[in-house]
Amino acid sequence: MKKTVQKLFLGKSSNGVQAEYNPIQKRIQNIQSIWDNDHEDDNGIEKIFRLLLSSSQLLFPGIYIKYFSRKKGIEYQDLAIDIYILIKVAFPITILIYQWYTIDWVVIVMTYLFLETIFYIPTLIFASDLFSRPRSYRRSMILLFFNYTEIFLSYAVFYSLGDFLNRKFTHWFDAIYFSIITSTSVGFGDFYPTTFIGKLLVSTQSLLFLFFIIIFLNFFSTKVKPKGYFDIDNKN
């Protein structure tokens, strides 16, 4: 049973082999590399943007979870990040169900984790000069899906913080429903923003949807190599 669980969650054992880099040290080296123009001859707004993205990761828990979990092995590092992301997805749902959005510090913590997700994906694309490609782009695509799920669930909490829409939510799932409809730009008209804050939330969520679908999802999907049924080189 133990071996079955290990095989399911850890995959092929690396026999305790650590990740080939120290995440914190590598991030600091990456910031220095951007500053010194080692890989890109950028300046001005582009350089400032890349420095801010790369530096932002030192402000959030994800990189420190990688740092401590890598000591046990690469597969444990991946598992720790998987669990962390799932917790981040479950957190806003829990807030909505139990109406914890009335507690200020809970909303602050959720917003803090939300910002980590917002900054992480563009950092991978625009500001990771020294980082090698992941072991699996398929895993990156799956995690990207959960990242975006966390974003629209967090927006559902934001919509529940006040009277930003034409009418109040009568059930906790109404906020999630409106957030999903907003993110897909469908808009059935049963809920719509009537205040400045409501319109601002809807506008930023719609922009994030475009960024994720057009830029981020497209970027990662082009990296996935098909195997098996979809492998064009498969002759059988």
Protein backbone atom coordinates (compact mmCIF):
# COMPACT_ATOMS: atom_id res chain seq x y z
CA MET A 1 0.00 0.00 0.00
CA LYS A 2 2.80 2.36 0.92
CA LYS A 3 4.59 1.70 -2.36
CA THR A 4 1.35 2.28 -4.28
CA VAL A 5 0.81 5.66 -2.60
CA GLN A 6 4.42 6.65 -3.21
CA LYS A 7 4.15 5.63 -6.86
CA LEU A 8 0.95 7.64 -7.26
CA PHE A 9 2.10 10.87 -5.63
CA LEU A 10 5.87 10.74 -6.13
CA GLY A 11 6.20 8.82 -9.40
CA LYS A 12 9.61 7.42 -10.21
CA SER A 13 11.86 7.81 -7.21
CA SER A 14 14.93 10.00 -7.58
CA ASN A 15 16.49 8.35 -4.49
CA GLY A 16 16.55 11.63 -2.62
CA VAL A 17 18.29 13.57 -5.39
CA GLN A 18 17.80 17.27 -4.73
CA ALA A 19 16.74 19.78 -7.35
CA GLU A 20 19.78 20.96 -9.26
CA TYR A 21 19.47 24.50 -7.98
CA ASN A 22 18.79 26.40 -4.78
CA PRO A 23 15.56 28.29 -5.61
CA ILE A 24 16.37 31.35 -3.49
CA GLN A 25 20.00 31.59 -4.62
CA LYS A 26 18.98 31.04 -8.23
CA ARG A 27 16.36 33.79 -8.03
CA ILE A 28 18.93 36.23 -6.65
CA GLN A 29 21.35 35.25 -9.43
CA ASN A 30 18.54 35.75 -11.93
CA ILE A 31 17.89 39.28 -10.67
CA GLN A 32 21.62 40.02 -10.96
CA SER A 33 21.69 38.59 -14.47
CA ILE A 34 18.83 40.84 -15.58
CA TRP A 35 20.54 43.84 -13.99
CA ASP A 36 23.84 43.05 -15.76
CA ASN A 37 22.13 42.38 -19.13
CA ASP A 38 23.78 38.95 -19.32
CA HIS A 39 21.07 37.47 -21.56
CA GLU A 40 18.93 40.33 -22.82
CA ASP A 41 20.05 43.77 -23.96
CA ASP A 42 17.04 45.46 -22.40
CA ASN A 43 16.62 48.84 -20.72
CA GLY A 44 13.99 51.31 -19.58
CA ILE A 45 10.47 50.02 -19.01
CA GLU A 46 11.32 46.48 -20.14
CA LYS A 47 14.21 46.14 -17.72
CA ILE A 48 12.27 47.65 -14.81
CA PHE A 49 9.35 45.32 -15.55
CA ARG A 50 11.60 42.25 -15.63
CA LEU A 51 13.41 43.25 -12.44
CA LEU A 52 10.12 43.77 -10.61
CA LEU A 53 8.76 40.42 -11.75
CA SER A 54 11.89 38.50 -10.82
CA SER A 55 12.21 40.23 -7.44
CA SER A 56 8.55 39.74 -6.56
CA GLN A 57 8.96 35.99 -6.08
CA LEU A 58 11.12 36.58 -2.99
CA LEU A 59 8.11 38.18 -1.29
CA PHE A 60 5.87 35.10 -1.43
CA PRO A 61 5.84 31.65 0.21
CA GLY A 62 6.13 29.52 -2.95
CA ILE A 63 9.87 29.90 -3.40
CA TYR A 64 10.54 29.07 0.27
CA ILE A 65 8.35 25.97 0.06
CA LYS A 66 10.51 24.87 -2.88
CA TYR A 67 13.66 25.62 -0.89
CA PHE A 68 12.77 23.47 2.12
CA SER A 69 11.06 20.62 0.24
CA ARG A 70 13.92 20.21 -2.28
CA LYS A 71 16.16 18.88 0.49
CA LYS A 72 14.18 15.63 0.50
CA GLY A 73 14.14 15.17 -3.27
CA ILE A 74 12.86 16.59 -6.53
CA GLU A 75 9.60 14.64 -6.41
CA TYR A 76 8.89 15.94 -2.90
CA GLN A 77 9.44 19.48 -4.12
CA ASP A 78 6.85 18.94 -6.87
CA LEU A 79 4.43 17.33 -4.42
CA ALA A 80 4.82 20.21 -1.94
CA ILE A 81 4.05 22.76 -4.65
CA ASP A 82 1.05 20.72 -5.83
CA ILE A 83 -0.38 20.69 -2.30
CA TYR A 84 0.33 24.40 -1.87
CA ILE A 85 -1.51 25.28 -5.09
CA LEU A 86 -4.50 23.12 -4.16
CA ILE A 87 -4.67 24.85 -0.77
CA LYS A 88 -4.65 28.20 -2.55
CA VAL A 89 -7.56 27.02 -4.72
CA ALA A 90 -9.55 25.71 -1.76
CA PHE A 91 -8.99 28.81 0.39
CA PRO A 92 -11.34 31.24 -1.44
CA ILE A 93 -14.05 28.53 -1.69
CA THR A 94 -13.83 28.06 2.07
CA ILE A 95 -14.05 31.82 2.57
CA LEU A 96 -17.23 31.97 0.50
CA ILE A 97 -18.93 28.98 2.13
CA TYR A 98 -18.28 30.15 5.68
CA GLN A 99 -18.60 33.89 4.83
CA TRP A 100 -15.13 34.65 6.14
CA TYR A 101 -14.96 37.63 3.75
CA THR A 102 -16.24 39.69 6.68
CA ILE A 103 -12.91 39.03 8.45
CA ASP A 104 -10.31 41.53 7.26
CA TRP A 105 -7.17 39.50 7.91
CA VAL A 106 -8.57 36.50 6.03
CA VAL A 107 -9.19 38.63 2.94
CA ILE A 108 -5.70 40.15 3.26
CA VAL A 109 -4.08 36.69 3.35
CA MET A 110 -6.11 35.57 0.33
CA THR A 111 -5.16 38.72 -1.58
CA TYR A 112 -1.50 38.13 -0.73
CA LEU A 113 -1.65 34.59 -2.15
CA PHE A 114 -3.65 35.87 -5.13
CA LEU A 115 -0.89 38.37 -5.97
CA GLU A 116 1.70 35.60 -5.88
CA THR A 117 -0.21 33.77 -8.60
CA ILE A 118 -0.71 36.94 -10.64
CA PHE A 119 3.05 37.63 -10.68
CA TYR A 120 4.32 34.05 -10.98
CA ILE A 121 3.29 33.13 -14.54
CA PRO A 122 4.54 36.32 -16.24
CA THR A 123 7.78 35.91 -14.26
CA LEU A 124 8.31 32.48 -15.84
CA ILE A 125 7.77 33.90 -19.32
CA PHE A 126 9.45 37.30 -19.14
CA ALA A 127 11.97 37.21 -16.29
CA SER A 128 13.53 33.78 -15.79
CA ASP A 129 16.77 34.14 -17.70
CA LEU A 130 18.72 31.53 -15.72
CA PHE A 131 15.99 28.96 -15.17
CA SER A 132 15.99 25.68 -17.04
CA ARG A 133 12.80 24.26 -18.54
CA PRO A 134 10.51 22.24 -16.24
CA ARG A 135 10.64 18.46 -16.10
CA SER A 136 7.13 18.36 -17.56
CA TYR A 137 5.30 21.04 -19.52
CA ARG A 138 2.13 18.97 -19.12
CA ARG A 139 2.41 19.46 -15.37
CA SER A 140 2.92 23.19 -15.97
CA MET A 141 -0.29 23.26 -18.02
CA ILE A 142 -2.24 21.51 -15.27
CA LEU A 143 -0.89 23.86 -12.63
CA LEU A 144 -1.72 26.79 -14.89
CA PHE A 145 -5.33 25.61 -14.92
CA PHE A 146 -5.39 25.55 -11.11
CA ASN A 147 -3.69 28.96 -11.04
CA TYR A 148 -6.45 30.43 -13.14
CA THR A 149 -9.08 28.64 -11.04
CA GLU A 150 -7.62 30.30 -7.96
CA ILE A 151 -7.84 33.68 -9.69
CA PHE A 152 -11.53 33.53 -10.60
CA LEU A 153 -12.38 32.08 -7.17
CA SER A 154 -10.49 34.95 -5.53
CA TYR A 155 -12.45 37.41 -7.64
CA ALA A 156 -15.64 35.74 -6.40
CA VAL A 157 -14.56 36.68 -2.88
CA PHE A 158 -13.79 40.25 -3.99
CA TYR A 159 -17.28 40.57 -5.47
CA SER A 160 -18.74 39.43 -2.13
CA LEU A 161 -17.00 42.16 -0.12
CA GLY A 162 -19.61 44.83 -0.84
CA ASP A 163 -22.62 45.95 -2.85
CA PHE A 164 -20.77 46.31 -6.13
CA LEU A 165 -23.42 44.74 -8.37
CA ASN A 166 -27.03 45.41 -9.26
CA ARG A 167 -28.23 42.94 -6.63
CA LYS A 168 -26.83 40.88 -3.77
CA PHE A 169 -25.79 37.27 -3.97
CA THR A 170 -28.28 34.92 -2.32
CA HIS A 171 -25.99 31.89 -2.26
CA TRP A 172 -22.23 31.50 -1.96
CA PHE A 173 -22.05 29.90 -5.41
CA ASP A 174 -23.63 33.00 -7.00
CA ALA A 175 -20.32 34.82 -6.57
CA ILE A 176 -18.41 31.98 -8.27
CA TYR A 177 -21.00 31.85 -11.04
CA PHE A 178 -20.68 35.59 -11.72
CA SER A 179 -16.89 35.37 -11.65
CA ILE A 180 -16.87 32.52 -14.19
CA ILE A 181 -19.31 34.36 -16.46
CA THR A 182 -17.18 37.50 -16.22
CA SER A 183 -13.94 35.66 -16.94
CA THR A 184 -15.43 34.14 -20.09
CA SER A 185 -16.97 37.47 -21.16
CA VAL A 186 -20.41 35.89 -21.57
CA GLY A 187 -22.49 38.20 -19.40
CA PHE A 188 -26.09 36.98 -19.12
CA GLY A 189 -27.27 40.21 -17.50
CA ASP A 190 -28.63 38.74 -14.25
CA PHE A 191 -25.67 40.26 -12.40
CA TYR A 192 -23.73 43.32 -13.55
CA PRO A 193 -21.57 46.00 -11.88
CA THR A 194 -23.17 49.30 -10.85
CA THR A 195 -20.34 50.94 -8.87
CA PHE A 196 -16.84 52.06 -9.74
CA ILE A 197 -15.24 49.27 -7.70
CA GLY A 198 -17.50 46.69 -9.34
CA LYS A 199 -16.64 47.92 -12.82
CA LEU A 200 -12.95 47.98 -11.91
CA LEU A 201 -13.06 44.37 -10.67
CA VAL A 202 -14.88 43.19 -13.80
CA SER A 203 -12.47 45.06 -16.08
CA THR A 204 -9.31 43.69 -14.44
CA GLN A 205 -10.69 40.14 -14.39
CA SER A 206 -11.53 40.33 -18.09
CA LEU A 207 -8.01 41.56 -18.86
CA LEU A 208 -6.48 38.75 -16.81
CA PHE A 209 -8.58 36.25 -18.75
CA LEU A 210 -7.15 37.59 -22.02
CA PHE A 211 -3.61 37.44 -20.66
CA PHE A 212 -3.97 33.85 -19.48
CA ILE A 213 -5.66 32.54 -22.59
CA ILE A 214 -3.82 34.47 -25.28
CA ILE A 215 -0.34 34.78 -23.79
CA PHE A 216 0.23 32.30 -20.98
CA LEU A 217 -1.81 29.32 -22.16
CA ASN A 218 -0.55 29.71 -25.72
CA PHE A 219 3.04 29.95 -24.48
CA PHE A 220 2.89 26.72 -22.49
CA SER A 221 0.77 24.76 -24.98
CA THR A 222 3.40 25.23 -27.70
CA LYS A 223 5.96 23.57 -25.41
CA VAL A 224 4.02 20.36 -24.87
CA LYS A 225 5.25 17.48 -27.02
CA PRO A 226 2.50 15.00 -27.95
CA LYS A 227 2.98 11.33 -27.19
CA GLY A 228 0.89 8.23 -27.76
CA TYR A 229 -2.37 8.80 -29.62
CA PHE A 230 -1.49 12.36 -30.67
CA ASP A 231 2.13 11.68 -31.54
CA ILE A 232 2.52 12.43 -35.26
CA ASP A 233 5.68 10.33 -35.30
CA ASN A 234 3.88 7.26 -33.98
CA LYS A 235 3.85 4.75 -36.85
CA ASN A 236 1.67 2.12 -35.13
